[in-house]
Amino acid sequence: MYYLTNYSSPIGDMAIISDGQSINRVSFLNQKYFKPSLVDEISSEDDLEIFAKAKAYLDDYFKGLNPEIDFKLNPHGTDFRLKVWKLLLEIPYGETVTYGQIAQKISPTMAAQAVGGAVGANPIAIMIPCHRVIGKNGDLTGYAAGLDKKIELLKIEGVLDTGD
């Protein structure tokens, strides 16, 4: 059984899915890959402890803080995708890396495009920081929820100038 709760962020409404013990998905509504393929049965639930922790994390994140994840993340994916997502967790708050840099950590012959597919399929937005991955020339490429959201997340972290 999986559980769903909604979260209203300053840059768009989100859905959080949990198996009751860990977070399995955090998505902006209507983003690419939003439909949860991992769930057969899903129940709306707002009072799970894991949801309270996830929402507190997101509240702090959107305040511009660098919160710690003190709960379990359990994304579902292939071994390759899981390896890439684990590397995403190593990207420090307020910093970016390129697809090519991630590819080189996996294998000297790994193509950046292969990493791009895994990054784009990341099911746990923000907490697994795929928004911190950029193109080789610093280009802001791809984000399942849209480049506008990627830009806002990077502004929150101080990577991009807010124009103020």
C-alpha atoms as a PDB file:
ATOM      1  CA  MET A   1       0.000   0.000   0.000  1.00  0.00           C
ATOM      2  CA  TYR A   2       1.218   3.473  -0.874  1.00  0.00           C
ATOM      3  CA  TYR A   3       0.066   6.779   0.535  1.00  0.00           C
ATOM      4  CA  LEU A   4      -0.270  10.176  -1.074  1.00  0.00           C
ATOM      5  CA  THR A   5      -0.288  13.667   0.331  1.00  0.00           C
ATOM      6  CA  ASN A   6      -0.151  17.045  -1.345  1.00  0.00           C
ATOM      7  CA  TYR A   7       2.257  19.873  -0.665  1.00  0.00           C
ATOM      8  CA  SER A   8       1.788  23.462  -1.786  1.00  0.00           C
ATOM      9  CA  SER A   9       5.214  24.935  -2.563  1.00  0.00           C
ATOM     10  CA  PRO A  10       5.920  28.550  -3.506  1.00  0.00           C
ATOM     11  CA  ILE A  11       6.657  27.414  -7.078  1.00  0.00           C
ATOM     12  CA  GLY A  12       3.854  24.913  -7.584  1.00  0.00           C
ATOM     13  CA  ASP A  13       1.757  22.187  -6.050  1.00  0.00           C
ATOM     14  CA  MET A  14       3.472  18.880  -5.384  1.00  0.00           C
ATOM     15  CA  ALA A  15       2.547  15.303  -4.564  1.00  0.00           C
ATOM     16  CA  ILE A  16       4.453  13.166  -2.082  1.00  0.00           C
ATOM     17  CA  ILE A  17       4.125   9.377  -2.138  1.00  0.00           C
ATOM     18  CA  SER A  18       5.272   7.038   0.610  1.00  0.00           C
ATOM     19  CA  ASP A  19       5.125   3.367   1.447  1.00  0.00           C
ATOM     20  CA  GLY A  20       4.552   4.439   5.058  1.00  0.00           C
ATOM     21  CA  GLN A  21       8.216   4.058   6.019  1.00  0.00           C
ATOM     22  CA  SER A  22      10.074   6.008   3.345  1.00  0.00           C
ATOM     23  CA  ILE A  23       9.532   8.594   0.630  1.00  0.00           C
ATOM     24  CA  ASN A  24       9.154   7.012  -2.790  1.00  0.00           C
ATOM     25  CA  ARG A  25       8.207   9.999  -4.927  1.00  0.00           C
ATOM     26  CA  VAL A  26       8.093  13.795  -4.744  1.00  0.00           C
ATOM     27  CA  SER A  27       6.791  15.419  -7.908  1.00  0.00           C
ATOM     28  CA  PHE A  28       5.393  18.690  -9.090  1.00  0.00           C
ATOM     29  CA  LEU A  29       1.865  18.096 -10.320  1.00  0.00           C
ATOM     30  CA  ASN A  30       1.593  17.508 -14.059  1.00  0.00           C
ATOM     31  CA  GLN A  31       5.358  17.179 -14.549  1.00  0.00           C
ATOM     32  CA  LYS A  32       6.833  14.697 -16.968  1.00  0.00           C
ATOM     33  CA  TYR A  33       6.860  11.204 -15.415  1.00  0.00           C
ATOM     34  CA  PHE A  34       4.369  12.349 -12.762  1.00  0.00           C
ATOM     35  CA  LYS A  35       2.027   9.382 -12.994  1.00  0.00           C
ATOM     36  CA  PRO A  36       3.298   7.002 -10.332  1.00  0.00           C
ATOM     37  CA  SER A  37       4.025   3.723 -12.058  1.00  0.00           C
ATOM     38  CA  LEU A  38       5.087   2.089  -8.803  1.00  0.00           C
ATOM     39  CA  VAL A  39       1.676   2.094  -7.201  1.00  0.00           C
ATOM     40  CA  ASP A  40      -1.186  -0.304  -7.577  1.00  0.00           C
ATOM     41  CA  GLU A  41      -3.096   0.888  -4.571  1.00  0.00           C
ATOM     42  CA  ILE A  42      -2.758   4.401  -3.272  1.00  0.00           C
ATOM     43  CA  SER A  43      -4.571   6.052  -0.408  1.00  0.00           C
ATOM     44  CA  SER A  44      -4.704   9.739   0.418  1.00  0.00           C
ATOM     45  CA  GLU A  45      -3.219  10.239   3.840  1.00  0.00           C
ATOM     46  CA  ASP A  46      -1.978  13.383   5.546  1.00  0.00           C
ATOM     47  CA  ASP A  47      -1.052  12.298   9.054  1.00  0.00           C
ATOM     48  CA  LEU A  48       1.860   9.912   8.479  1.00  0.00           C
ATOM     49  CA  GLU A  49       5.023  10.806  10.387  1.00  0.00           C
ATOM     50  CA  ILE A  50       7.099  10.410   7.215  1.00  0.00           C
ATOM     51  CA  PHE A  51       4.910  13.023   5.504  1.00  0.00           C
ATOM     52  CA  ALA A  52       5.359  15.459   8.388  1.00  0.00           C
ATOM     53  CA  LYS A  53       9.142  15.065   8.072  1.00  0.00           C
ATOM     54  CA  ALA A  54       9.084  15.465   4.298  1.00  0.00           C
ATOM     55  CA  LYS A  55       6.894  18.574   4.489  1.00  0.00           C
ATOM     56  CA  ALA A  56       9.122  20.095   7.195  1.00  0.00           C
ATOM     57  CA  TYR A  57      12.130  19.456   4.954  1.00  0.00           C
ATOM     58  CA  LEU A  58      10.409  21.166   2.009  1.00  0.00           C
ATOM     59  CA  ASP A  59       9.263  24.090   4.189  1.00  0.00           C
ATOM     60  CA  ASP A  60      12.862  24.693   5.261  1.00  0.00           C
ATOM     61  CA  TYR A  61      14.196  24.219   1.744  1.00  0.00           C
ATOM     62  CA  PHE A  62      11.828  26.826   0.302  1.00  0.00           C
ATOM     63  CA  LYS A  63      12.866  29.247   3.072  1.00  0.00           C
ATOM     64  CA  GLY A  64      16.378  29.069   1.621  1.00  0.00           C
ATOM     65  CA  LEU A  65      17.762  26.811   4.310  1.00  0.00           C
ATOM     66  CA  ASN A  66      19.841  23.694   3.703  1.00  0.00           C
ATOM     67  CA  PRO A  67      17.863  21.098   5.654  1.00  0.00           C
ATOM     68  CA  GLU A  68      19.124  17.608   6.427  1.00  0.00           C
ATOM     69  CA  ILE A  69      17.143  14.597   5.284  1.00  0.00           C
ATOM     70  CA  ASP A  70      16.336  12.710   8.486  1.00  0.00           C
ATOM     71  CA  PHE A  71      14.063  10.159   6.870  1.00  0.00           C
ATOM     72  CA  LYS A  72      14.465   7.346   4.382  1.00  0.00           C
ATOM     73  CA  LEU A  73      14.295   7.868   0.634  1.00  0.00           C
ATOM     74  CA  ASN A  74      13.377   4.804  -1.398  1.00  0.00           C
ATOM     75  CA  PRO A  75      13.135   5.627  -5.099  1.00  0.00           C
ATOM     76  CA  HIS A  76      12.240   2.809  -7.455  1.00  0.00           C
ATOM     77  CA  GLY A  77      14.334   2.340 -10.580  1.00  0.00           C
ATOM     78  CA  THR A  78      16.871   0.250 -12.440  1.00  0.00           C
ATOM     79  CA  ASP A  79      20.280  -0.414 -10.912  1.00  0.00           C
ATOM     80  CA  PHE A  80      21.806   2.180 -13.228  1.00  0.00           C
ATOM     81  CA  ARG A  81      19.259   4.849 -12.288  1.00  0.00           C
ATOM     82  CA  LEU A  82      19.690   4.094  -8.586  1.00  0.00           C
ATOM     83  CA  LYS A  83      23.460   4.538  -8.998  1.00  0.00           C
ATOM     84  CA  VAL A  84      22.969   7.917 -10.698  1.00  0.00           C
ATOM     85  CA  TRP A  85      20.441   9.068  -8.087  1.00  0.00           C
ATOM     86  CA  LYS A  86      22.866   8.121  -5.321  1.00  0.00           C
ATOM     87  CA  LEU A  87      25.493  10.330  -6.971  1.00  0.00           C
ATOM     88  CA  LEU A  88      22.978  13.186  -7.136  1.00  0.00           C
ATOM     89  CA  LEU A  89      22.707  13.039  -3.343  1.00  0.00           C
ATOM     90  CA  GLU A  90      26.426  13.886  -3.169  1.00  0.00           C
ATOM     91  CA  ILE A  91      26.014  17.248  -4.934  1.00  0.00           C
ATOM     92  CA  PRO A  92      26.314  19.916  -2.224  1.00  0.00           C
ATOM     93  CA  TYR A  93      23.558  22.466  -1.692  1.00  0.00           C
ATOM     94  CA  GLY A  94      24.247  25.575  -3.736  1.00  0.00           C
ATOM     95  CA  GLU A  95      26.549  23.825  -6.211  1.00  0.00           C
ATOM     96  CA  THR A  96      26.096  22.278  -9.624  1.00  0.00           C
ATOM     97  CA  VAL A  97      27.742  19.507 -11.629  1.00  0.00           C
ATOM     98  CA  THR A  98      27.478  18.515 -15.262  1.00  0.00           C
ATOM     99  CA  TYR A  99      26.001  15.365 -16.712  1.00  0.00           C
ATOM    100  CA  GLY A 100      29.486  14.553 -17.973  1.00  0.00           C
ATOM    101  CA  GLN A 101      31.002  14.841 -14.490  1.00  0.00           C
ATOM    102  CA  ILE A 102      28.478  12.343 -13.163  1.00  0.00           C
ATOM    103  CA  ALA A 103      29.132  10.037 -16.123  1.00  0.00           C
ATOM    104  CA  GLN A 104      32.881  10.086 -15.384  1.00  0.00           C
ATOM    105  CA  LYS A 105      32.239   8.989 -11.800  1.00  0.00           C
ATOM    106  CA  ILE A 106      30.460   5.911 -13.129  1.00  0.00           C
ATOM    107  CA  SER A 107      32.850   5.012 -15.959  1.00  0.00           C
ATOM    108  CA  PRO A 108      35.460   6.787 -18.095  1.00  0.00           C
ATOM    109  CA  THR A 109      33.521   5.655 -21.176  1.00  0.00           C
ATOM    110  CA  MET A 110      30.035   6.536 -19.910  1.00  0.00           C
ATOM    111  CA  ALA A 111      28.080   8.938 -22.131  1.00  0.00           C
ATOM    112  CA  ALA A 112      26.579  12.036 -20.554  1.00  0.00           C
ATOM    113  CA  GLN A 113      23.345  11.283 -22.433  1.00  0.00           C
ATOM    114  CA  ALA A 114      22.900   8.020 -20.525  1.00  0.00           C
ATOM    115  CA  VAL A 115      23.211   9.931 -17.274  1.00  0.00           C
ATOM    116  CA  GLY A 116      20.767  12.527 -18.601  1.00  0.00           C
ATOM    117  CA  GLY A 117      18.082   9.886 -19.016  1.00  0.00           C
ATOM    118  CA  ALA A 118      18.510   8.709 -15.437  1.00  0.00           C
ATOM    119  CA  VAL A 119      18.617  12.254 -14.050  1.00  0.00           C
ATOM    120  CA  GLY A 120      15.454  13.129 -15.964  1.00  0.00           C
ATOM    121  CA  ALA A 121      13.636  10.138 -14.500  1.00  0.00           C
ATOM    122  CA  ASN A 122      14.479  11.012 -10.885  1.00  0.00           C
ATOM    123  CA  PRO A 123      11.268  10.337  -8.922  1.00  0.00           C
ATOM    124  CA  ILE A 124      12.136  12.367  -5.814  1.00  0.00           C
ATOM    125  CA  ALA A 125      12.405  16.027  -6.781  1.00  0.00           C
ATOM    126  CA  ILE A 126      14.422  18.436  -4.642  1.00  0.00           C
ATOM    127  CA  MET A 127      15.432  15.828  -2.047  1.00  0.00           C
ATOM    128  CA  ILE A 128      17.421  13.979  -4.710  1.00  0.00           C
ATOM    129  CA  PRO A 129      18.731  17.189  -6.281  1.00  0.00           C
ATOM    130  CA  CYS A 130      18.569  16.569 -10.021  1.00  0.00           C
ATOM    131  CA  HIS A 131      18.007  20.317 -10.458  1.00  0.00           C
ATOM    132  CA  ARG A 132      21.718  20.774  -9.622  1.00  0.00           C
ATOM    133  CA  VAL A 133      22.793  19.026 -12.838  1.00  0.00           C
ATOM    134  CA  ILE A 134      23.584  21.299 -15.768  1.00  0.00           C
ATOM    135  CA  GLY A 135      24.971  21.038 -19.294  1.00  0.00           C
ATOM    136  CA  LYS A 136      28.706  21.089 -19.985  1.00  0.00           C
ATOM    137  CA  ASN A 137      28.776  24.794 -20.855  1.00  0.00           C
ATOM    138  CA  GLY A 138      26.700  25.775 -17.845  1.00  0.00           C
ATOM    139  CA  ASP A 139      23.481  25.529 -19.820  1.00  0.00           C
ATOM    140  CA  LEU A 140      20.348  24.892 -17.821  1.00  0.00           C
ATOM    141  CA  THR A 141      19.141  21.840 -19.661  1.00  0.00           C
ATOM    142  CA  GLY A 142      16.194  19.622 -18.925  1.00  0.00           C
ATOM    143  CA  TYR A 143      14.037  19.355 -15.855  1.00  0.00           C
ATOM    144  CA  ALA A 144      10.966  17.134 -15.747  1.00  0.00           C
ATOM    145  CA  ALA A 145       8.917  19.850 -14.040  1.00  0.00           C
ATOM    146  CA  GLY A 146      10.090  22.519 -16.507  1.00  0.00           C
ATOM    147  CA  LEU A 147      13.083  24.826 -16.724  1.00  0.00           C
ATOM    148  CA  ASP A 148      11.167  27.573 -14.927  1.00  0.00           C
ATOM    149  CA  LYS A 149      11.083  25.430 -11.785  1.00  0.00           C
ATOM    150  CA  LYS A 150      14.740  24.425 -12.143  1.00  0.00           C
ATOM    151  CA  ILE A 151      15.669  28.110 -12.349  1.00  0.00           C
ATOM    152  CA  GLU A 152      13.648  28.904  -9.216  1.00  0.00           C
ATOM    153  CA  LEU A 153      15.257  26.041  -7.271  1.00  0.00           C
ATOM    154  CA  LEU A 154      18.740  27.195  -8.267  1.00  0.00           C
ATOM    155  CA  LYS A 155      17.832  30.754  -7.237  1.00  0.00           C
ATOM    156  CA  ILE A 156      16.725  29.482  -3.819  1.00  0.00           C
ATOM    157  CA  GLU A 157      20.139  27.844  -3.407  1.00  0.00           C
ATOM    158  CA  GLY A 158      21.984  30.979  -4.514  1.00  0.00           C
ATOM    159  CA  VAL A 159      23.366  29.384  -7.684  1.00  0.00           C
ATOM    160  CA  LEU A 160      21.571  31.881  -9.919  1.00  0.00           C
ATOM    161  CA  ASP A 161      21.157  35.590  -9.382  1.00  0.00           C
ATOM    162  CA  THR A 162      17.644  36.523  -8.320  1.00  0.00           C
ATOM    163  CA  GLY A 163      17.933  39.905 -10.000  1.00  0.00           C
ATOM    164  CA  ASP A 164      17.143  41.769  -6.775  1.00  0.00           C
END
